[in-house]
Structure formats: C-alpha cells, structure tokens
Amino acid sequence: MTIRTFWNILIKILGIWIALNCLSLVPQYVSSIFYSSDYFNFELFLYGLASILGIVLFYYFILRFFIFKTNWIIDRLKLDKNFSEEKIDLNIETQNILRIACIVLGGLILVDSIPDIFRTLFRYYQDHKIFKKETSSVWVVYNIVKSIIAYLLLNNSKLVSEYIIKKSKPENEV
C-alpha cells in the first residue's frame, strides 16, 4: 500500500464519519422551528431556513471532497510528500479496508443510537402524558432513522465500499 492510498482511505473514513454525524443537525433545526412556532416571526423563520440551507450546502461540499475527491485534498495539502519510504507493508485491498471501516462505523453508530432511542421514547411518553405536547417526536424519528442507517451500513458495507471506490475513480480510469 502506498502512502497516497493510506491517506485516501483515511480521508474517506473521515468523510463517512462526518456524513453520519451531520444527520443530527436536521432534527435539531426541525425541533427548533417547532419550538418557535408559538412565537412565529417571519424574519426568524427566514433566518432558520437560510441557516439550514447553508449548513446543508457546507456539509455537501465537505462530503463531496472527503469521500469522492480525496486526491484533490492529498495534492493540496501535500500529504504524500516527505516520507522516508514510499510504501506501507500491508497486503489488504482498499475495498476491504473501506468495508471494515463501514462495519466499525456502523457498529459504533448503532451502539450509540440504541440507548438514544429508548431515552427519546421515554421523553416522548413523558411529554405526551404530562404536557400534552409532543416536542420530542422529531428526536424519536431521528434516532430510529439513525439506527436503521447504521444497520444498513453494517449489512451493506460491500456495496458502500464499491460505490465509494467507483465514484472516486477519475472518469478515464473506469
């Protein structure tokens, strides 16, 4: 494995991690919009919409570069320069490393989201019984979707790694 391949894999793993962690932003903004719906202010609503759009665009560009344009990052930051050796002695294919990374990340996210599901379900039940207002329903849905995505990432790690490798190759190499 070359130094460039190592950095390629590491940046892709970081991109997958960022992609899965950015999902928590959507329910935060949705719940804040519901919370502020009692005091509807058009300027505040436009500000919230603009900030959601800005954050989604920011994460889109981060993900695009971290997962599909890793060579551009390596070239700009010169990450593969100034190493004493050109190769790292590992006999593992890039796709297998990405599969392992998908399995580990999916497992970590699944283990992290299971307690959150029960906590938000309990909070939803409390809000519904005590306050007769369901402010935590967005978080219940978010945690269930997060668990489903983690489960799918665990079970479909081969498809995810093949897709990342296929989309990150330059067009003339395909």
N, C-alpha and C. Protein backbone atom coordinates (compact mmCIF):
# COMPACT_ATOMS: atom_id res chain seq x y z
N MET A 1 0.86 -1.17 0.00
CA MET A 1 0.00 0.00 0.00
C MET A 1 0.91 1.23 0.00
N THR A 2 0.60 2.17 -0.86
CA THR A 2 1.40 3.39 -0.92
C THR A 2 0.90 4.39 0.12
N ILE A 3 1.70 5.41 0.35
CA ILE A 3 1.33 6.46 1.30
C ILE A 3 0.07 7.18 0.82
N ARG A 4 -0.02 7.39 -0.48
CA ARG A 4 -1.19 8.07 -1.06
C ARG A 4 -2.47 7.25 -0.83
N THR A 5 -2.38 5.93 -0.99
CA THR A 5 -3.53 5.06 -0.76
C THR A 5 -3.94 5.11 0.70
N PHE A 6 -2.96 5.12 1.60
CA PHE A 6 -3.26 5.22 3.03
C PHE A 6 -4.03 6.50 3.33
N TRP A 7 -3.56 7.64 2.81
CA TRP A 7 -4.26 8.90 3.05
C TRP A 7 -5.64 8.91 2.39
N ASN A 8 -5.75 8.29 1.23
CA ASN A 8 -7.03 8.17 0.54
C ASN A 8 -8.04 7.45 1.43
N ILE A 9 -7.63 6.32 1.99
CA ILE A 9 -8.53 5.54 2.84
C ILE A 9 -8.88 6.31 4.10
N LEU A 10 -7.89 6.92 4.72
CA LEU A 10 -8.13 7.65 5.96
C LEU A 10 -9.10 8.83 5.76
N ILE A 11 -8.93 9.55 4.67
CA ILE A 11 -9.82 10.69 4.39
C ILE A 11 -11.23 10.20 4.06
N LYS A 12 -11.36 9.09 3.35
CA LYS A 12 -12.69 8.54 3.05
C LYS A 12 -13.39 8.08 4.33
N ILE A 13 -12.66 7.45 5.24
CA ILE A 13 -13.24 7.04 6.52
C ILE A 13 -13.71 8.27 7.28
N LEU A 14 -12.90 9.31 7.29
CA LEU A 14 -13.30 10.56 7.95
C LEU A 14 -14.54 11.15 7.30
N GLY A 15 -14.63 11.08 5.97
CA GLY A 15 -15.80 11.57 5.26
C GLY A 15 -17.07 10.80 5.60
N ILE A 16 -16.96 9.49 5.71
CA ILE A 16 -18.12 8.68 6.10
C ILE A 16 -18.56 9.04 7.51
N TRP A 17 -17.59 9.22 8.40
CA TRP A 17 -17.90 9.59 9.78
C TRP A 17 -18.60 10.95 9.85
N ILE A 18 -18.11 11.91 9.08
CA ILE A 18 -18.74 13.24 9.05
C ILE A 18 -20.15 13.13 8.48
N ALA A 19 -20.32 12.33 7.44
CA ALA A 19 -21.64 12.17 6.82
C ALA A 19 -22.65 11.62 7.81
N LEU A 20 -22.25 10.65 8.60
CA LEU A 20 -23.18 10.06 9.53
C LEU A 20 -23.44 10.96 10.74
N ASN A 21 -22.45 11.74 11.13
CA ASN A 21 -22.65 12.63 12.27
C ASN A 21 -23.40 13.91 11.90
N CYS A 22 -23.41 14.30 10.64
CA CYS A 22 -24.12 15.52 10.26
C CYS A 22 -25.63 15.31 10.23
N LEU A 23 -26.07 14.07 10.30
CA LEU A 23 -27.50 13.79 10.27
C LEU A 23 -28.23 14.35 11.49
N SER A 24 -27.51 14.60 12.58
CA SER A 24 -28.17 15.10 13.79
C SER A 24 -28.57 16.56 13.67
N LEU A 25 -28.09 17.26 12.65
CA LEU A 25 -28.44 18.67 12.50
C LEU A 25 -29.88 18.88 12.07
N VAL A 26 -30.38 18.00 11.25
CA VAL A 26 -31.74 18.16 10.72
C VAL A 26 -32.79 18.15 11.82
N PRO A 27 -32.81 17.15 12.72
CA PRO A 27 -33.84 17.20 13.77
C PRO A 27 -33.65 18.35 14.74
N GLN A 28 -32.42 18.82 14.92
CA GLN A 28 -32.20 19.98 15.79
C GLN A 28 -32.90 21.20 15.23
N TYR A 29 -32.74 21.43 13.93
CA TYR A 29 -33.39 22.59 13.33
C TYR A 29 -34.90 22.43 13.24
N VAL A 30 -35.36 21.22 12.93
CA VAL A 30 -36.80 20.99 12.85
C VAL A 30 -37.44 21.19 14.22
N SER A 31 -36.81 20.66 15.27
CA SER A 31 -37.38 20.84 16.61
C SER A 31 -37.32 22.29 17.05
N SER A 32 -36.29 23.02 16.64
CA SER A 32 -36.24 24.44 17.00
C SER A 32 -37.31 25.24 16.26
N ILE A 33 -37.63 24.84 15.03
CA ILE A 33 -38.70 25.52 14.30
C ILE A 33 -40.04 25.23 14.97
N PHE A 34 -40.26 23.97 15.39
CA PHE A 34 -41.50 23.64 16.10
C PHE A 34 -41.58 24.37 17.43
N TYR A 35 -40.47 24.49 18.10
CA TYR A 35 -40.45 25.17 19.40
C TYR A 35 -40.78 26.65 19.25
N SER A 36 -40.27 27.24 18.18
CA SER A 36 -40.52 28.67 17.98
C SER A 36 -41.82 28.93 17.22
N SER A 37 -42.60 27.88 16.92
CA SER A 37 -43.84 28.09 16.17
C SER A 37 -44.88 28.83 17.00
N ASP A 38 -44.76 28.79 18.33
CA ASP A 38 -45.69 29.55 19.16
C ASP A 38 -45.48 31.05 19.00
N TYR A 39 -44.27 31.43 18.70
CA TYR A 39 -43.92 32.85 18.55
C TYR A 39 -43.46 33.07 17.12
N PHE A 40 -44.33 32.85 16.15
CA PHE A 40 -43.94 32.90 14.75
C PHE A 40 -43.47 34.29 14.37
N ASN A 41 -42.27 34.33 13.89
CA ASN A 41 -41.65 35.56 13.41
C ASN A 41 -41.09 35.23 12.03
N PHE A 42 -41.53 35.97 11.01
CA PHE A 42 -41.14 35.66 9.65
C PHE A 42 -39.64 35.82 9.45
N GLU A 43 -39.04 36.84 10.03
CA GLU A 43 -37.60 37.05 9.90
C GLU A 43 -36.82 35.90 10.54
N LEU A 44 -37.27 35.46 11.68
CA LEU A 44 -36.62 34.34 12.36
C LEU A 44 -36.77 33.06 11.55
N PHE A 45 -37.93 32.88 10.93
CA PHE A 45 -38.16 31.71 10.09
C PHE A 45 -37.23 31.73 8.88
N LEU A 46 -37.08 32.89 8.23
CA LEU A 46 -36.18 33.00 7.08
C LEU A 46 -34.73 32.78 7.50
N TYR A 47 -34.37 33.30 8.67
CA TYR A 47 -33.02 33.09 9.18
C TYR A 47 -32.77 31.60 9.43
N GLY A 48 -33.73 30.91 10.01
CA GLY A 48 -33.61 29.47 10.25
C GLY A 48 -33.50 28.69 8.95
N LEU A 49 -34.32 29.06 7.96
CA LEU A 49 -34.28 28.40 6.67
C LEU A 49 -32.94 28.63 5.97
N ALA A 50 -32.44 29.86 6.03
CA ALA A 50 -31.15 30.18 5.42
C ALA A 50 -30.01 29.44 6.11
N SER A 51 -30.09 29.34 7.42
CA SER A 51 -29.02 28.63 8.12
C SER A 51 -29.06 27.13 7.83
N ILE A 52 -30.26 26.56 7.72
CA ILE A 52 -30.37 25.15 7.35
C ILE A 52 -29.78 24.93 5.96
N LEU A 53 -30.12 25.79 5.02
CA LEU A 53 -29.60 25.66 3.67
C LEU A 53 -28.08 25.82 3.65
N GLY A 54 -27.57 26.78 4.41
CA GLY A 54 -26.12 26.99 4.47
C GLY A 54 -25.39 25.78 5.04
N ILE A 55 -25.94 25.21 6.09
CA ILE A 55 -25.30 24.05 6.71
C ILE A 55 -25.36 22.84 5.78
N VAL A 56 -26.49 22.65 5.11
CA VAL A 56 -26.61 21.52 4.19
C VAL A 56 -25.61 21.67 3.03
N LEU A 57 -25.47 22.87 2.49
CA LEU A 57 -24.50 23.10 1.42
C LEU A 57 -23.07 22.89 1.91
N PHE A 58 -22.78 23.38 3.11
CA PHE A 58 -21.45 23.20 3.69
C PHE A 58 -21.11 21.72 3.82
N TYR A 59 -22.02 20.94 4.37
CA TYR A 59 -21.78 19.51 4.52
C TYR A 59 -21.74 18.80 3.18
N TYR A 60 -22.50 19.26 2.22
CA TYR A 60 -22.46 18.66 0.89
C TYR A 60 -21.06 18.79 0.29
N PHE A 61 -20.50 19.99 0.38
CA PHE A 61 -19.16 20.19 -0.18
C PHE A 61 -18.09 19.45 0.62
N ILE A 62 -18.22 19.41 1.91
CA ILE A 62 -17.28 18.65 2.74
C ILE A 62 -17.33 17.17 2.34
N LEU A 63 -18.53 16.62 2.24
CA LEU A 63 -18.68 15.21 1.90
C LEU A 63 -18.19 14.91 0.49
N ARG A 64 -18.48 15.81 -0.42
CA ARG A 64 -18.05 15.60 -1.80
C ARG A 64 -16.53 15.51 -1.90
N PHE A 65 -15.85 16.39 -1.19
CA PHE A 65 -14.40 16.35 -1.24
C PHE A 65 -13.82 15.22 -0.40
N PHE A 66 -14.36 14.96 0.76
CA PHE A 66 -13.78 13.95 1.64
C PHE A 66 -14.01 12.54 1.14
N ILE A 67 -15.12 12.28 0.47
CA ILE A 67 -15.40 10.91 0.02
C ILE A 67 -15.04 10.70 -1.45
N PHE A 68 -15.33 11.67 -2.31
CA PHE A 68 -15.16 11.44 -3.73
C PHE A 68 -13.98 12.18 -4.36
N LYS A 69 -13.46 13.20 -3.72
CA LYS A 69 -12.35 13.98 -4.28
C LYS A 69 -11.15 13.98 -3.33
N THR A 70 -10.81 12.81 -2.81
CA THR A 70 -9.73 12.74 -1.82
C THR A 70 -8.37 13.06 -2.44
N ASN A 71 -8.18 12.73 -3.71
CA ASN A 71 -6.90 13.04 -4.35
C ASN A 71 -6.65 14.54 -4.40
N TRP A 72 -7.68 15.32 -4.57
CA TRP A 72 -7.54 16.77 -4.58
C TRP A 72 -7.04 17.26 -3.21
N ILE A 73 -7.59 16.71 -2.13
CA ILE A 73 -7.16 17.08 -0.77
C ILE A 73 -5.71 16.68 -0.55
N ILE A 74 -5.36 15.47 -0.97
CA ILE A 74 -3.98 15.00 -0.79
C ILE A 74 -3.01 15.86 -1.57
N ASP A 75 -3.37 16.25 -2.80
CA ASP A 75 -2.49 17.10 -3.60
C ASP A 75 -2.34 18.50 -3.00
N ARG A 76 -3.43 19.08 -2.54
CA ARG A 76 -3.38 20.45 -2.00
C ARG A 76 -2.63 20.52 -0.67
N LEU A 77 -2.83 19.53 0.17
CA LEU A 77 -2.16 19.52 1.48
C LEU A 77 -0.80 18.83 1.45
N LYS A 78 -0.45 18.24 0.29
CA LYS A 78 0.82 17.54 0.10
C LYS A 78 1.05 16.50 1.19
N LEU A 79 0.04 15.68 1.41
CA LEU A 79 0.09 14.69 2.46
C LEU A 79 1.01 13.51 2.13
N ASP A 80 1.26 13.27 0.86
CA ASP A 80 2.08 12.12 0.48
C ASP A 80 3.55 12.47 0.27
N LYS A 81 3.94 13.66 0.63
CA LYS A 81 5.33 14.11 0.48
C LYS A 81 6.10 13.93 1.78
N ASN A 82 7.41 13.92 1.68
CA ASN A 82 8.34 13.90 2.82
C ASN A 82 8.23 12.65 3.68
N PHE A 83 7.99 11.51 3.06
CA PHE A 83 8.04 10.25 3.78
C PHE A 83 9.31 9.52 3.36
N SER A 84 9.93 8.85 4.31
CA SER A 84 11.19 8.17 4.00
C SER A 84 10.97 6.95 3.11
N GLU A 85 9.84 6.29 3.26
CA GLU A 85 9.52 5.13 2.43
C GLU A 85 8.29 5.42 1.59
N GLU A 86 8.23 4.81 0.43
CA GLU A 86 7.13 5.03 -0.48
C GLU A 86 5.93 4.13 -0.20
N LYS A 87 6.18 2.98 0.42
CA LYS A 87 5.12 2.00 0.63
C LYS A 87 5.00 1.63 2.09
N ILE A 88 3.78 1.26 2.45
CA ILE A 88 3.48 0.71 3.76
C ILE A 88 3.21 -0.78 3.52
N ASP A 89 3.84 -1.63 4.28
CA ASP A 89 3.70 -3.07 4.05
C ASP A 89 2.40 -3.61 4.63
N LEU A 90 1.34 -3.46 3.88
CA LEU A 90 0.05 -4.06 4.20
C LEU A 90 -0.46 -4.72 2.92
N ASN A 91 -0.92 -5.92 3.04
CA ASN A 91 -1.42 -6.63 1.87
C ASN A 91 -2.94 -6.72 1.90
N ILE A 92 -3.58 -5.61 2.20
CA ILE A 92 -5.04 -5.56 2.24
C ILE A 92 -5.50 -4.60 1.15
N GLU A 93 -6.53 -5.00 0.44
CA GLU A 93 -7.06 -4.15 -0.63
C GLU A 93 -7.82 -2.97 -0.04
N THR A 94 -7.90 -1.90 -0.82
CA THR A 94 -8.60 -0.70 -0.39
C THR A 94 -10.06 -0.98 -0.09
N GLN A 95 -10.70 -1.79 -0.91
CA GLN A 95 -12.11 -2.10 -0.70
C GLN A 95 -12.33 -2.83 0.62
N ASN A 96 -11.43 -3.72 0.98
CA ASN A 96 -11.58 -4.43 2.26
C ASN A 96 -11.40 -3.49 3.44
N ILE A 97 -10.49 -2.56 3.34
CA ILE A 97 -10.30 -1.59 4.43
C ILE A 97 -11.54 -0.71 4.56
N LEU A 98 -12.09 -0.28 3.42
CA LEU A 98 -13.32 0.53 3.48
C LEU A 98 -14.49 -0.29 4.03
N ARG A 99 -14.55 -1.58 3.71
CA ARG A 99 -15.61 -2.43 4.28
C ARG A 99 -15.47 -2.54 5.79
N ILE A 100 -14.25 -2.74 6.25
CA ILE A 100 -14.01 -2.82 7.69
C ILE A 100 -14.37 -1.51 8.35
N ALA A 101 -14.01 -0.39 7.71
CA ALA A 101 -14.34 0.92 8.27
C ALA A 101 -15.86 1.12 8.33
N CYS A 102 -16.57 0.71 7.29
CA CYS A 102 -18.04 0.82 7.29
C CYS A 102 -18.66 -0.03 8.40
N ILE A 103 -18.13 -1.21 8.58
CA ILE A 103 -18.66 -2.09 9.62
C ILE A 103 -18.40 -1.50 11.00
N VAL A 104 -17.19 -1.01 11.22
CA VAL A 104 -16.85 -0.43 12.53
C VAL A 104 -17.68 0.83 12.79
N LEU A 105 -17.76 1.72 11.79
CA LEU A 105 -18.55 2.95 11.98
C LEU A 105 -20.03 2.63 12.17
N GLY A 106 -20.56 1.71 11.37
CA GLY A 106 -21.96 1.32 11.54
C GLY A 106 -22.22 0.72 12.91
N GLY A 107 -21.31 -0.10 13.37
CA GLY A 107 -21.45 -0.69 14.71
C GLY A 107 -21.40 0.36 15.81
N LEU A 108 -20.46 1.29 15.69
CA LEU A 108 -20.37 2.35 16.70
C LEU A 108 -21.63 3.22 16.73
N ILE A 109 -22.13 3.54 15.56
CA ILE A 109 -23.32 4.38 15.50
C ILE A 109 -24.54 3.61 16.02
N LEU A 110 -24.63 2.33 15.69
CA LEU A 110 -25.75 1.52 16.18
C LEU A 110 -25.71 1.41 17.71
N VAL A 111 -24.53 1.15 18.24
CA VAL A 111 -24.39 1.05 19.69
C VAL A 111 -24.70 2.39 20.36
N ASP A 112 -24.36 3.48 19.70
CA ASP A 112 -24.63 4.80 20.23
C ASP A 112 -26.11 5.17 20.14
N SER A 113 -26.79 4.70 19.10
CA SER A 113 -28.17 5.14 18.88
C SER A 113 -29.21 4.32 19.63
N ILE A 114 -28.92 3.09 20.00
CA ILE A 114 -29.90 2.25 20.70
C ILE A 114 -30.33 2.89 22.03
N PRO A 115 -29.40 3.32 22.91
CA PRO A 115 -29.85 3.98 24.14
C PRO A 115 -30.59 5.29 23.87
N ASP A 116 -30.19 5.99 22.81
CA ASP A 116 -30.88 7.24 22.47
C ASP A 116 -32.33 6.99 22.07
N ILE A 117 -32.60 5.87 21.41
CA ILE A 117 -33.98 5.54 21.04
C ILE A 117 -34.84 5.39 22.30
N PHE A 118 -34.34 4.63 23.26
CA PHE A 118 -35.11 4.42 24.48
C PHE A 118 -35.27 5.70 25.29
N ARG A 119 -34.22 6.52 25.32
CA ARG A 119 -34.30 7.79 26.05
C ARG A 119 -35.32 8.72 25.41
N THR A 120 -35.30 8.84 24.08
CA THR A 120 -36.25 9.73 23.42
C THR A 120 -37.67 9.17 23.46
N LEU A 121 -37.83 7.85 23.40
CA LEU A 121 -39.17 7.28 23.55
C LEU A 121 -39.73 7.57 24.94
N PHE A 122 -38.89 7.46 25.96
CA PHE A 122 -39.32 7.78 27.31
C PHE A 122 -39.68 9.26 27.44
N ARG A 123 -38.85 10.12 26.85
CA ARG A 123 -39.14 11.55 26.89
C ARG A 123 -40.42 11.88 26.13
N TYR A 124 -40.63 11.21 24.99
CA TYR A 124 -41.85 11.39 24.22
C TYR A 124 -43.07 10.99 25.06
N TYR A 125 -42.96 9.85 25.72
CA TYR A 125 -44.06 9.38 26.57
C TYR A 125 -44.33 10.37 27.70
N GLN A 126 -43.28 10.90 28.34
CA GLN A 126 -43.45 11.89 29.41
C GLN A 126 -44.11 13.16 28.88
N ASP A 127 -43.62 13.65 27.75
CA ASP A 127 -44.20 14.87 27.19
C ASP A 127 -45.66 14.69 26.83
N HIS A 128 -45.97 13.53 26.30
CA HIS A 128 -47.36 13.27 25.89
C HIS A 128 -48.28 13.14 27.09
N LYS A 129 -47.82 12.51 28.14
CA LYS A 129 -48.66 12.29 29.32
C LYS A 129 -48.74 13.52 30.21
N ILE A 130 -47.62 14.21 30.40
CA ILE A 130 -47.59 15.32 31.35
C ILE A 130 -47.99 16.64 30.70
N PHE A 131 -47.37 16.95 29.58
CA PHE A 131 -47.56 18.26 28.98
C PHE A 131 -48.58 18.27 27.85
N LYS A 132 -48.99 17.13 27.40
CA LYS A 132 -49.94 17.00 26.29
C LYS A 132 -49.41 17.68 25.02
N LYS A 133 -48.09 17.84 24.96
CA LYS A 133 -47.47 18.44 23.79
C LYS A 133 -46.26 17.58 23.43
N GLU A 134 -46.18 17.17 22.18
CA GLU A 134 -45.12 16.27 21.76
C GLU A 134 -44.00 17.06 21.09
N THR A 135 -43.02 17.48 21.85
CA THR A 135 -41.90 18.22 21.28
C THR A 135 -40.73 17.30 20.93
N SER A 136 -40.74 16.08 21.44
CA SER A 136 -39.61 15.20 21.22
C SER A 136 -39.86 14.15 20.14
N SER A 137 -40.94 14.26 19.40
CA SER A 137 -41.25 13.25 18.39
C SER A 137 -40.24 13.28 17.25
N VAL A 138 -39.69 14.44 16.95
CA VAL A 138 -38.68 14.54 15.90
C VAL A 138 -37.44 13.73 16.28
N TRP A 139 -37.07 13.77 17.55
CA TRP A 139 -35.89 13.05 18.01
C TRP A 139 -36.12 11.55 18.01
N VAL A 140 -37.33 11.12 18.26
CA VAL A 140 -37.64 9.68 18.20
C VAL A 140 -37.43 9.19 16.76
N VAL A 141 -37.98 9.92 15.82
CA VAL A 141 -37.84 9.55 14.42
C VAL A 141 -36.37 9.59 14.00
N TYR A 142 -35.65 10.63 14.42
CA TYR A 142 -34.24 10.76 14.08
C TYR A 142 -33.43 9.56 14.59
N ASN A 143 -33.64 9.18 15.84
CA ASN A 143 -32.87 8.07 16.40
C ASN A 143 -33.21 6.74 15.75
N ILE A 144 -34.46 6.57 15.37
CA ILE A 144 -34.83 5.34 14.66
C ILE A 144 -34.19 5.31 13.27
N VAL A 145 -34.23 6.44 12.57
CA VAL A 145 -33.60 6.51 11.25
C VAL A 145 -32.08 6.31 11.36
N LYS A 146 -31.48 6.89 12.39
CA LYS A 146 -30.04 6.72 12.62
C LYS A 146 -29.70 5.25 12.85
N SER A 147 -30.51 4.55 13.60
CA SER A 147 -30.27 3.13 13.84
C SER A 147 -30.44 2.31 12.57
N ILE A 148 -31.43 2.67 11.77
CA ILE A 148 -31.64 1.95 10.51
C ILE A 148 -30.47 2.17 9.56
N ILE A 149 -29.99 3.41 9.48
CA ILE A 149 -28.84 3.70 8.62
C ILE A 149 -27.61 2.94 9.09
N ALA A 150 -27.39 2.90 10.40
CA ALA A 150 -26.25 2.16 10.95
C ALA A 150 -26.37 0.67 10.63
N TYR A 151 -27.57 0.12 10.77
CA TYR A 151 -27.79 -1.29 10.46
C TYR A 151 -27.55 -1.57 8.97
N LEU A 152 -28.04 -0.67 8.11
CA LEU A 152 -27.82 -0.85 6.68
C LEU A 152 -26.35 -0.71 6.32
N LEU A 153 -25.65 0.18 7.00
CA LEU A 153 -24.21 0.34 6.76
C LEU A 153 -23.46 -0.92 7.17
N LEU A 154 -23.88 -1.53 8.27
CA LEU A 154 -23.27 -2.79 8.70
C LEU A 154 -23.50 -3.91 7.68
N ASN A 155 -24.72 -4.04 7.22
CA ASN A 155 -25.07 -5.15 6.33
C ASN A 155 -24.68 -4.93 4.88
N ASN A 156 -24.57 -3.69 4.46
CA ASN A 156 -24.27 -3.38 3.06
C ASN A 156 -22.91 -2.72 2.90
N SER A 157 -21.95 -3.11 3.73
CA SER A 157 -20.63 -2.48 3.68
C SER A 157 -19.94 -2.73 2.35
N LYS A 158 -20.19 -3.87 1.75
CA LYS A 158 -19.58 -4.17 0.45
C LYS A 158 -20.11 -3.22 -0.63
N LEU A 159 -21.41 -3.01 -0.65
CA LEU A 159 -22.00 -2.10 -1.64
C LEU A 159 -21.51 -0.66 -1.43
N VAL A 160 -21.42 -0.24 -0.17
CA VAL A 160 -20.96 1.12 0.13
C VAL A 160 -19.52 1.30 -0.32
N SER A 161 -18.66 0.33 0.00
CA SER A 161 -17.25 0.46 -0.38
C SER A 161 -17.09 0.41 -1.90
N GLU A 162 -17.83 -0.45 -2.58
CA GLU A 162 -17.76 -0.49 -4.05
C GLU A 162 -18.23 0.82 -4.66
N TYR A 163 -19.29 1.40 -4.11
CA TYR A 163 -19.81 2.68 -4.62
C TYR A 163 -18.78 3.80 -4.42
N ILE A 164 -18.17 3.85 -3.25
CA ILE A 164 -17.17 4.89 -2.98
C ILE A 164 -15.98 4.74 -3.91
N ILE A 165 -15.51 3.54 -4.11
CA ILE A 165 -14.36 3.32 -4.99
C ILE A 165 -14.73 3.64 -6.43
N LYS A 166 -15.93 3.24 -6.88
CA LYS A 166 -16.36 3.51 -8.25
C LYS A 166 -16.51 5.00 -8.51
N LYS A 167 -17.10 5.73 -7.56
CA LYS A 167 -17.33 7.16 -7.75
C LYS A 167 -16.08 8.01 -7.55
N SER A 168 -15.08 7.49 -6.87
CA SER A 168 -13.89 8.30 -6.61
C SER A 168 -12.82 8.12 -7.68
N LYS A 169 -13.01 7.17 -8.59
CA LYS A 169 -12.05 6.99 -9.69
C LYS A 169 -12.27 8.07 -10.73
N PRO A 170 -11.19 8.57 -11.33
CA PRO A 170 -11.36 9.50 -12.45
C PRO A 170 -12.09 8.82 -13.61
N GLU A 171 -12.75 9.61 -14.42
CA GLU A 171 -13.59 9.06 -15.49
C GLU A 171 -12.80 8.29 -16.52
N ASN A 172 -11.54 8.66 -16.76
CA ASN A 172 -10.76 7.97 -17.79
C ASN A 172 -10.23 6.62 -17.31
N GLU A 173 -10.31 6.30 -16.01
CA GLU A 173 -9.87 5.02 -15.50
C GLU A 173 -10.97 3.99 -15.48
N VAL A 174 -12.23 4.39 -15.57
CA VAL A 174 -13.36 3.47 -15.47
C VAL A 174 -13.47 2.67 -16.71
